[in-house]
C-alpha atoms as a PDB file:
ATOM      1  CA  MET A   1       0.000   0.000   0.000  1.00  0.00           C
ATOM      2  CA  GLU A   2       1.495   3.346  -1.067  1.00  0.00           C
ATOM      3  CA  LEU A   3      -0.144   5.221   1.824  1.00  0.00           C
ATOM      4  CA  HIS A   4       1.839   4.709   5.026  1.00  0.00           C
ATOM      5  CA  LEU A   5      -0.280   4.751   8.174  1.00  0.00           C
ATOM      6  CA  GLU A   6       0.837   4.906  11.772  1.00  0.00           C
ATOM      7  CA  ARG A   7      -2.740   4.474  12.971  1.00  0.00           C
ATOM      8  CA  PRO A   8      -6.101   3.802  11.294  1.00  0.00           C
ATOM      9  CA  LEU A   9      -7.482   6.389   8.882  1.00  0.00           C
ATOM     10  CA  ALA A  10     -11.231   6.907   9.276  1.00  0.00           C
ATOM     11  CA  VAL A  11     -12.834   8.246   6.126  1.00  0.00           C
ATOM     12  CA  PHE A  12     -16.288   9.583   6.891  1.00  0.00           C
ATOM     13  CA  ASP A  13     -19.130  11.326   5.119  1.00  0.00           C
ATOM     14  CA  LEU A  14     -22.400  12.935   6.153  1.00  0.00           C
ATOM     15  CA  GLU A  15     -25.625  13.380   4.245  1.00  0.00           C
ATOM     16  CA  THR A  16     -27.714  16.178   5.675  1.00  0.00           C
ATOM     17  CA  THR A  17     -30.913  18.195   5.397  1.00  0.00           C
ATOM     18  CA  GLY A  18     -28.869  21.111   4.059  1.00  0.00           C
ATOM     19  CA  THR A  19     -25.506  22.829   4.244  1.00  0.00           C
ATOM     20  CA  ARG A  20     -26.077  25.258   7.132  1.00  0.00           C
ATOM     21  CA  ILE A  21     -23.780  24.189   9.951  1.00  0.00           C
ATOM     22  CA  GLY A  22     -25.581  24.535  13.270  1.00  0.00           C
ATOM     23  CA  GLN A  23     -29.017  24.624  11.655  1.00  0.00           C
ATOM     24  CA  ASP A  24     -29.348  21.621   9.377  1.00  0.00           C
ATOM     25  CA  ARG A  25     -29.305  18.021  10.581  1.00  0.00           C
ATOM     26  CA  ILE A  26     -27.615  14.729   9.687  1.00  0.00           C
ATOM     27  CA  VAL A  27     -29.651  12.056   7.856  1.00  0.00           C
ATOM     28  CA  GLN A  28     -26.891   9.545   7.136  1.00  0.00           C
ATOM     29  CA  VAL A  29     -23.359   8.882   8.337  1.00  0.00           C
ATOM     30  CA  ALA A  30     -20.831   6.426   6.929  1.00  0.00           C
ATOM     31  CA  VAL A  31     -17.328   5.500   8.068  1.00  0.00           C
ATOM     32  CA  VAL A  32     -14.689   3.357   6.383  1.00  0.00           C
ATOM     33  CA  ARG A  33     -11.603   2.674   8.471  1.00  0.00           C
ATOM     34  CA  LEU A  34      -8.393   1.907   6.599  1.00  0.00           C
ATOM     35  CA  MET A  35      -6.034  -0.034   8.837  1.00  0.00           C
ATOM     36  CA  PRO A  36      -2.219   0.214   8.696  1.00  0.00           C
ATOM     37  CA  ASP A  37      -2.093  -3.273   7.133  1.00  0.00           C
ATOM     38  CA  GLY A  38      -4.464  -2.199   4.343  1.00  0.00           C
ATOM     39  CA  ALA A  39      -7.580  -3.907   5.697  1.00  0.00           C
ATOM     40  CA  ARG A  40     -10.858  -1.995   5.613  1.00  0.00           C
ATOM     41  CA  ASN A  41     -13.959  -2.101   7.755  1.00  0.00           C
ATOM     42  CA  GLN A  42     -17.082  -0.127   7.081  1.00  0.00           C
ATOM     43  CA  TRP A  43     -20.179   1.085   8.891  1.00  0.00           C
ATOM     44  CA  GLN A  44     -23.105   3.297   7.995  1.00  0.00           C
ATOM     45  CA  SER A  45     -26.457   4.306   9.407  1.00  0.00           C
ATOM     46  CA  LEU A  46     -29.413   6.429   8.464  1.00  0.00           C
ATOM     47  CA  VAL A  47     -30.274   9.080  11.046  1.00  0.00           C
ATOM     48  CA  ASN A  48     -33.699  10.434  11.954  1.00  0.00           C
ATOM     49  CA  PRO A  49     -33.141  14.219  11.972  1.00  0.00           C
ATOM     50  CA  ASP A  50     -36.424  14.993  13.785  1.00  0.00           C
ATOM     51  CA  VAL A  51     -37.170  17.598  11.107  1.00  0.00           C
ATOM     52  CA  PRO A  52     -38.581  17.240   7.574  1.00  0.00           C
ATOM     53  CA  ILE A  53     -35.985  16.657   4.865  1.00  0.00           C
ATOM     54  CA  PRO A  54     -36.352  19.384   2.199  1.00  0.00           C
ATOM     55  CA  GLU A  55     -37.138  18.166  -1.301  1.00  0.00           C
ATOM     56  CA  GLU A  56     -33.998  19.814  -2.666  1.00  0.00           C
ATOM     57  CA  ALA A  57     -31.866  17.858  -0.182  1.00  0.00           C
ATOM     58  CA  SER A  58     -33.608  14.576  -1.060  1.00  0.00           C
ATOM     59  CA  ALA A  59     -32.957  15.329  -4.729  1.00  0.00           C
ATOM     60  CA  VAL A  60     -29.221  15.335  -3.952  1.00  0.00           C
ATOM     61  CA  HIS A  61     -28.839  12.261  -1.737  1.00  0.00           C
ATOM     62  CA  GLY A  62     -32.093  10.377  -2.388  1.00  0.00           C
ATOM     63  CA  ILE A  63     -32.998  10.072   1.305  1.00  0.00           C
ATOM     64  CA  THR A  64     -36.609  10.906   2.187  1.00  0.00           C
ATOM     65  CA  ASP A  65     -38.620  11.330   5.376  1.00  0.00           C
ATOM     66  CA  ALA A  66     -39.988   7.814   4.907  1.00  0.00           C
ATOM     67  CA  ASP A  67     -36.455   6.383   4.737  1.00  0.00           C
ATOM     68  CA  VAL A  68     -35.475   7.804   8.132  1.00  0.00           C
ATOM     69  CA  ALA A  69     -38.807   7.439   9.945  1.00  0.00           C
ATOM     70  CA  ASP A  70     -37.627   4.384  11.890  1.00  0.00           C
ATOM     71  CA  ALA A  71     -33.926   5.256  11.950  1.00  0.00           C
ATOM     72  CA  PRO A  72     -32.129   6.032  15.224  1.00  0.00           C
ATOM     73  CA  ARG A  73     -31.653   9.659  16.220  1.00  0.00           C
ATOM     74  CA  LEU A  74     -28.223  11.220  16.437  1.00  0.00           C
ATOM     75  CA  GLU A  75     -28.268  11.143  20.227  1.00  0.00           C
ATOM     76  CA  ASP A  76     -28.664   7.359  20.011  1.00  0.00           C
ATOM     77  CA  LEU A  77     -25.781   7.037  17.523  1.00  0.00           C
ATOM     78  CA  ALA A  78     -23.334   9.592  18.871  1.00  0.00           C
ATOM     79  CA  GLN A  79     -21.258   7.202  20.971  1.00  0.00           C
ATOM     80  CA  GLU A  80     -21.178   4.630  18.162  1.00  0.00           C
ATOM     81  CA  ILE A  81     -19.910   7.285  15.735  1.00  0.00           C
ATOM     82  CA  LEU A  82     -17.262   8.472  18.171  1.00  0.00           C
ATOM     83  CA  ALA A  83     -16.161   4.892  18.790  1.00  0.00           C
ATOM     84  CA  ARG A  84     -15.753   4.363  15.046  1.00  0.00           C
ATOM     85  CA  LEU A  85     -13.547   7.470  14.817  1.00  0.00           C
ATOM     86  CA  ASP A  86     -11.642   6.988  18.075  1.00  0.00           C
ATOM     87  CA  GLY A  87      -7.908   6.446  17.734  1.00  0.00           C
ATOM     88  CA  CYS A  88      -7.998   7.344  14.045  1.00  0.00           C
ATOM     89  CA  ASP A  89      -6.792  10.133  11.869  1.00  0.00           C
ATOM     90  CA  LEU A  90      -9.594  11.477   9.689  1.00  0.00           C
ATOM     91  CA  ALA A  91     -10.279  11.913   5.997  1.00  0.00           C
ATOM     92  CA  GLY A  92     -13.167  12.867   3.761  1.00  0.00           C
ATOM     93  CA  PHE A  93     -14.009  14.727   0.570  1.00  0.00           C
ATOM     94  CA  ASN A  94     -14.483  18.375   1.625  1.00  0.00           C
ATOM     95  CA  VAL A  95     -14.211  17.189   5.227  1.00  0.00           C
ATOM     96  CA  LEU A  96     -12.267  20.233   6.418  1.00  0.00           C
ATOM     97  CA  ARG A  97     -14.865  22.704   5.246  1.00  0.00           C
ATOM     98  CA  PHE A  98     -18.054  20.717   5.811  1.00  0.00           C
ATOM     99  CA  ASP A  99     -18.221  17.263   7.404  1.00  0.00           C
ATOM    100  CA  LEU A 100     -15.819  17.862  10.284  1.00  0.00           C
ATOM    101  CA  PRO A 101     -17.296  21.172  11.505  1.00  0.00           C
ATOM    102  CA  PHE A 102     -20.839  19.911  10.815  1.00  0.00           C
ATOM    103  CA  LEU A 103     -20.398  16.788  12.940  1.00  0.00           C
ATOM    104  CA  SER A 104     -18.565  18.728  15.667  1.00  0.00           C
ATOM    105  CA  GLU A 105     -21.426  21.229  15.880  1.00  0.00           C
ATOM    106  CA  GLU A 106     -24.096  18.518  15.941  1.00  0.00           C
ATOM    107  CA  LEU A 107     -22.302  16.661  18.719  1.00  0.00           C
ATOM    108  CA  TYR A 108     -21.887  19.911  20.647  1.00  0.00           C
ATOM    109  CA  ARG A 109     -25.641  20.462  20.328  1.00  0.00           C
ATOM    110  CA  LEU A 110     -26.048  17.174  22.183  1.00  0.00           C
ATOM    111  CA  GLY A 111     -23.663  18.283  24.919  1.00  0.00           C
ATOM    112  CA  ILE A 112     -20.688  16.317  23.559  1.00  0.00           C
ATOM    113  CA  THR A 113     -17.369  18.081  23.056  1.00  0.00           C
ATOM    114  CA  TRP A 114     -15.404  16.276  20.330  1.00  0.00           C
ATOM    115  CA  ASP A 115     -11.744  17.196  20.651  1.00  0.00           C
ATOM    116  CA  THR A 116      -9.924  16.679  17.337  1.00  0.00           C
ATOM    117  CA  SER A 117      -6.953  18.906  18.153  1.00  0.00           C
ATOM    118  CA  SER A 118      -4.502  15.988  18.140  1.00  0.00           C
ATOM    119  CA  VAL A 119      -5.966  14.362  15.025  1.00  0.00           C
ATOM    120  CA  ARG A 120      -4.550  14.815  11.538  1.00  0.00           C
ATOM    121  CA  VAL A 121      -7.119  15.401   8.794  1.00  0.00           C
ATOM    122  CA  VAL A 122      -6.666  14.608   5.097  1.00  0.00           C
ATOM    123  CA  ASP A 123      -9.001  16.140   2.523  1.00  0.00           C
ATOM    124  CA  PRO A 124      -8.775  14.664  -1.002  1.00  0.00           C
ATOM    125  CA  LEU A 125     -10.688  17.685  -2.324  1.00  0.00           C
ATOM    126  CA  ARG A 126      -7.789  19.935  -1.298  1.00  0.00           C
ATOM    127  CA  ILE A 127      -5.354  17.550  -2.997  1.00  0.00           C
ATOM    128  CA  TYR A 128      -7.546  17.504  -6.109  1.00  0.00           C
ATOM    129  CA  HIS A 129      -7.675  21.286  -6.308  1.00  0.00           C
ATOM    130  CA  HIS A 130      -3.933  21.533  -5.755  1.00  0.00           C
ATOM    131  CA  PHE A 131      -2.970  19.247  -8.630  1.00  0.00           C
ATOM    132  CA  GLU A 132      -5.943  19.739 -10.955  1.00  0.00           C
ATOM    133  CA  LYS A 133      -6.323  23.486 -11.020  1.00  0.00           C
ATOM    134  CA  ARG A 134      -9.852  24.858 -11.251  1.00  0.00           C
ATOM    135  CA  ASP A 135      -8.970  28.458 -11.992  1.00  0.00           C
ATOM    136  CA  LEU A 136      -9.799  30.570 -15.038  1.00  0.00           C
ATOM    137  CA  SER A 137      -6.669  29.463 -16.876  1.00  0.00           C
ATOM    138  CA  ALA A 138      -7.685  25.811 -16.452  1.00  0.00           C
ATOM    139  CA  ALA A 139     -11.241  26.571 -17.609  1.00  0.00           C
ATOM    140  CA  THR A 140      -9.897  28.368 -20.667  1.00  0.00           C
ATOM    141  CA  ARG A 141      -7.792  25.354 -21.609  1.00  0.00           C
ATOM    142  CA  PHE A 142     -10.652  22.916 -20.986  1.00  0.00           C
ATOM    143  CA  TYR A 143     -13.503  24.770 -22.723  1.00  0.00           C
ATOM    144  CA  LEU A 144     -11.675  26.866 -25.306  1.00  0.00           C
ATOM    145  CA  ASP A 145      -8.609  24.734 -26.031  1.00  0.00           C
ATOM    146  CA  ARG A 146      -6.282  27.701 -25.695  1.00  0.00           C
ATOM    147  CA  GLU A 147      -3.963  29.245 -23.137  1.00  0.00           C
ATOM    148  CA  HIS A 148      -5.129  32.203 -21.067  1.00  0.00           C
ATOM    149  CA  ASP A 149      -2.120  34.388 -21.766  1.00  0.00           C
ATOM    150  CA  GLY A 150      -3.494  37.450 -19.994  1.00  0.00           C
ATOM    151  CA  ALA A 151      -4.169  35.790 -16.660  1.00  0.00           C
ATOM    152  CA  HIS A 152      -4.801  38.308 -13.860  1.00  0.00           C
ATOM    153  CA  ASP A 153      -5.143  41.222 -16.218  1.00  0.00           C
ATOM    154  CA  ALA A 154      -8.688  42.352 -15.432  1.00  0.00           C
ATOM    155  CA  LEU A 155      -9.853  42.903 -18.996  1.00  0.00           C
ATOM    156  CA  ALA A 156      -8.281  39.690 -20.262  1.00  0.00           C
ATOM    157  CA  ASP A 157      -9.860  37.803 -17.355  1.00  0.00           C
ATOM    158  CA  VAL A 158     -13.386  39.035 -18.051  1.00  0.00           C
ATOM    159  CA  GLN A 159     -13.048  38.381 -21.782  1.00  0.00           C
ATOM    160  CA  ALA A 160     -11.941  34.818 -21.050  1.00  0.00           C
ATOM    161  CA  THR A 161     -14.724  34.396 -18.460  1.00  0.00           C
ATOM    162  CA  LEU A 162     -17.347  35.422 -21.008  1.00  0.00           C
ATOM    163  CA  ASP A 163     -15.899  33.066 -23.608  1.00  0.00           C
ATOM    164  CA  VAL A 164     -15.900  30.215 -21.068  1.00  0.00           C
ATOM    165  CA  LEU A 165     -19.526  30.902 -20.121  1.00  0.00           C
ATOM    166  CA  LEU A 166     -20.659  30.878 -23.749  1.00  0.00           C
ATOM    167  CA  ALA A 167     -18.719  27.658 -24.344  1.00  0.00           C
ATOM    168  CA  GLN A 168     -20.346  26.050 -21.287  1.00  0.00           C
ATOM    169  CA  VAL A 169     -23.834  26.928 -22.538  1.00  0.00           C
ATOM    170  CA  ALA A 170     -22.950  25.501 -25.940  1.00  0.00           C
ATOM    171  CA  ARG A 171     -21.440  22.310 -24.484  1.00  0.00           C
ATOM    172  CA  TYR A 172     -24.022  21.292 -21.866  1.00  0.00           C
ATOM    173  CA  ARG A 173     -27.419  20.845 -23.449  1.00  0.00           C
ATOM    174  CA  ASP A 174     -29.187  20.535 -20.087  1.00  0.00           C
ATOM    175  CA  LEU A 175     -27.721  23.835 -18.851  1.00  0.00           C
ATOM    176  CA  PRO A 176     -30.325  26.646 -18.720  1.00  0.00           C
ATOM    177  CA  ARG A 177     -30.317  29.250 -21.469  1.00  0.00           C
ATOM    178  CA  THR A 178     -31.548  32.292 -19.520  1.00  0.00           C
ATOM    179  CA  VAL A 179     -29.771  34.372 -16.903  1.00  0.00           C
ATOM    180  CA  ASP A 180     -32.622  33.840 -14.413  1.00  0.00           C
ATOM    181  CA  ALA A 181     -32.376  30.082 -14.739  1.00  0.00           C
ATOM    182  CA  LEU A 182     -28.580  30.141 -14.729  1.00  0.00           C
ATOM    183  CA  GLY A 183     -28.702  32.184 -11.542  1.00  0.00           C
ATOM    184  CA  ASP A 184     -30.878  29.494  -9.962  1.00  0.00           C
ATOM    185  CA  PHE A 185     -28.469  26.831 -11.225  1.00  0.00           C
ATOM    186  CA  CYS A 186     -25.546  28.664  -9.582  1.00  0.00           C
ATOM    187  CA  GLY A 187     -27.471  29.159  -6.330  1.00  0.00           C
ATOM    188  CA  ASP A 188     -27.287  32.945  -6.447  1.00  0.00           C
ATOM    189  CA  ARG A 189     -30.411  33.348  -4.311  1.00  0.00           C
ATOM    190  CA  LYS A 190     -28.685  31.564  -1.448  1.00  0.00           C
ATOM    191  CA  ARG A 191     -26.056  34.262  -1.085  1.00  0.00           C
ATOM    192  CA  ALA A 192     -25.979  36.897   1.627  1.00  0.00           C
ATOM    193  CA  LEU A 193     -27.123  40.265   0.300  1.00  0.00           C
ATOM    194  CA  ASP A 194     -24.849  42.351   2.495  1.00  0.00           C
ATOM    195  CA  ALA A 195     -21.248  42.100   3.574  1.00  0.00           C
ATOM    196  CA  ALA A 196     -22.230  41.397   7.190  1.00  0.00           C
ATOM    197  CA  GLY A 197     -24.444  38.454   6.243  1.00  0.00           C
ATOM    198  CA  LYS A 198     -27.513  39.897   7.984  1.00  0.00           C
ATOM    199  CA  LEU A 199     -29.770  39.705   4.934  1.00  0.00           C
ATOM    200  CA  SER A 200     -30.695  36.942   2.519  1.00  0.00           C
ATOM    201  CA  PHE A 201     -33.377  35.848   0.062  1.00  0.00           C
ATOM    202  CA  ASP A 202     -36.372  33.759   1.045  1.00  0.00           C
ATOM    203  CA  ASP A 203     -37.724  30.950  -1.138  1.00  0.00           C
ATOM    204  CA  HIS A 204     -39.631  33.493  -3.220  1.00  0.00           C
ATOM    205  CA  GLY A 205     -36.652  35.732  -3.887  1.00  0.00           C
ATOM    206  CA  GLN A 206     -37.724  38.370  -1.364  1.00  0.00           C
ATOM    207  CA  LEU A 207     -35.264  40.136   0.935  1.00  0.00           C
ATOM    208  CA  CYS A 208     -35.467  38.832   4.496  1.00  0.00           C
ATOM    209  CA  LEU A 209     -33.549  38.810   7.747  1.00  0.00           C
ATOM    210  CA  ALA A 210     -30.849  36.193   8.235  1.00  0.00           C
ATOM    211  CA  PHE A 211     -30.649  36.588  12.025  1.00  0.00           C
ATOM    212  CA  GLY A 212     -32.719  37.065  15.160  1.00  0.00           C
ATOM    213  CA  LYS A 213     -36.191  35.934  16.153  1.00  0.00           C
ATOM    214  CA  TYR A 214     -37.627  36.899  12.760  1.00  0.00           C
ATOM    215  CA  LYS A 215     -35.008  35.103  10.720  1.00  0.00           C
ATOM    216  CA  GLY A 216     -36.478  34.283   7.308  1.00  0.00           C
ATOM    217  CA  TRP A 217     -39.146  37.021   7.562  1.00  0.00           C
ATOM    218  CA  THR A 218     -39.359  39.881   5.072  1.00  0.00           C
ATOM    219  CA  LEU A 219     -39.158  43.396   6.480  1.00  0.00           C
ATOM    220  CA  GLU A 220     -42.702  44.043   5.274  1.00  0.00           C
ATOM    221  CA  ASN A 221     -44.043  41.033   7.183  1.00  0.00           C
ATOM    222  CA  ILE A 222     -42.155  42.043  10.305  1.00  0.00           C
ATOM    223  CA  GLY A 223     -43.710  45.508  10.042  1.00  0.00           C
ATOM    224  CA  HIS A 224     -47.211  44.039   9.857  1.00  0.00           C
ATOM    225  CA  HIS A 225     -46.622  41.540  12.677  1.00  0.00           C
ATOM    226  CA  ASP A 226     -44.386  43.500  15.048  1.00  0.00           C
ATOM    227  CA  PRO A 227     -43.965  47.160  14.036  1.00  0.00           C
ATOM    228  CA  GLY A 228     -42.144  47.953  17.272  1.00  0.00           C
ATOM    229  CA  TYR A 229     -39.425  45.459  16.453  1.00  0.00           C
ATOM    230  CA  LEU A 230     -39.114  46.825  12.924  1.00  0.00           C
ATOM    231  CA  ASN A 231     -38.775  50.346  14.290  1.00  0.00           C
ATOM    232  CA  TRP A 232     -36.052  49.190  16.687  1.00  0.00           C
ATOM    233  CA  LEU A 233     -34.326  47.350  13.877  1.00  0.00           C
ATOM    234  CA  MET A 234     -34.307  50.409  11.625  1.00  0.00           C
ATOM    235  CA  THR A 235     -33.341  52.992  14.225  1.00  0.00           C
ATOM    236  CA  LYS A 236     -31.494  51.458  17.150  1.00  0.00           C
ATOM    237  CA  ALA A 237     -30.064  48.106  16.097  1.00  0.00           C
ATOM    238  CA  GLU A 238     -26.301  48.275  15.675  1.00  0.00           C
ATOM    239  CA  LEU A 239     -26.159  47.148  12.060  1.00  0.00           C
ATOM    240  CA  PRO A 240     -23.528  48.119   9.469  1.00  0.00           C
ATOM    241  CA  ALA A 241     -24.410  51.164   7.384  1.00  0.00           C
ATOM    242  CA  SER A 242     -24.352  49.123   4.164  1.00  0.00           C
ATOM    243  CA  THR A 243     -26.858  46.653   5.651  1.00  0.00           C
ATOM    244  CA  MET A 244     -29.132  49.500   6.771  1.00  0.00           C
ATOM    245  CA  ALA A 245     -28.991  51.067   3.312  1.00  0.00           C
ATOM    246  CA  ILE A 246     -30.222  47.858   1.667  1.00  0.00           C
ATOM    247  CA  MET A 247     -33.005  47.464   4.255  1.00  0.00           C
ATOM    248  CA  LYS A 248     -34.195  51.059   3.828  1.00  0.00           C
ATOM    249  CA  ARG A 249     -34.199  50.718   0.055  1.00  0.00           C
ATOM    250  CA  SER A 250     -36.191  47.497   0.291  1.00  0.00           C
ATOM    251  CA  LEU A 251     -38.785  49.119   2.563  1.00  0.00           C
ATOM    252  CA  ALA A 252     -39.064  52.119   0.259  1.00  0.00           C
ATOM    253  CA  ASP A 253     -39.686  49.815  -2.700  1.00  0.00           C
ATOM    254  CA  THR A 254     -42.462  47.907  -0.886  1.00  0.00           C
ATOM    255  CA  ARG A 255     -44.155  51.118   0.202  1.00  0.00           C
ATOM    256  CA  ALA A 256     -43.945  52.808  -3.189  1.00  0.00           C
END
């Protein structure tokens, strides 16, 4: 075996109700332990998240509410998961950015502190991105079959970006053909609308709060339901000026 191990390497993966760490829940966990002698042992379990699984999440991993109805809850599996990972270094695809912090936060929610400070973590996604570049120059070679000679010159970069986009639309027949649909494809409505991350879009594309007791509510709905809170929010809440400017503009548009 080319990979030299001093202790087992536990490769793990989570399927979840979404990607929001601290808010979404686990619906499946799997662990494969690679032993120093090359032997493997594997384990997996569905997890009842105690919340409905959104359709868009089921479309990704194929797990539905019916699948997890009789599955154990995370609190019933936590010690089993920790036992599977105990004494191991860790690995996983995008594990550093997603699976590791997601699992740590979910365990913490159950009152379990998972200390991984002495554990080494290997992420094949980071290795992939290191050796197989996914920058504009790589996209230009892949889609346009040419070198991007003006890399990091702003005008050359945007010209190449436009050419790559047009080539992508021409290549992938199931890729949308309108900017609205391409925006949905790229997940643009899931972005924060302000630098502080206090505002976001709801499922209908309306501006809403991304924090506090009215998280997910539009400003207009907050005003109807709790005008005192809206007044406090607009006059006394310590929000960045750029965030306030977007909120005031949104309110002006709804009242026009």
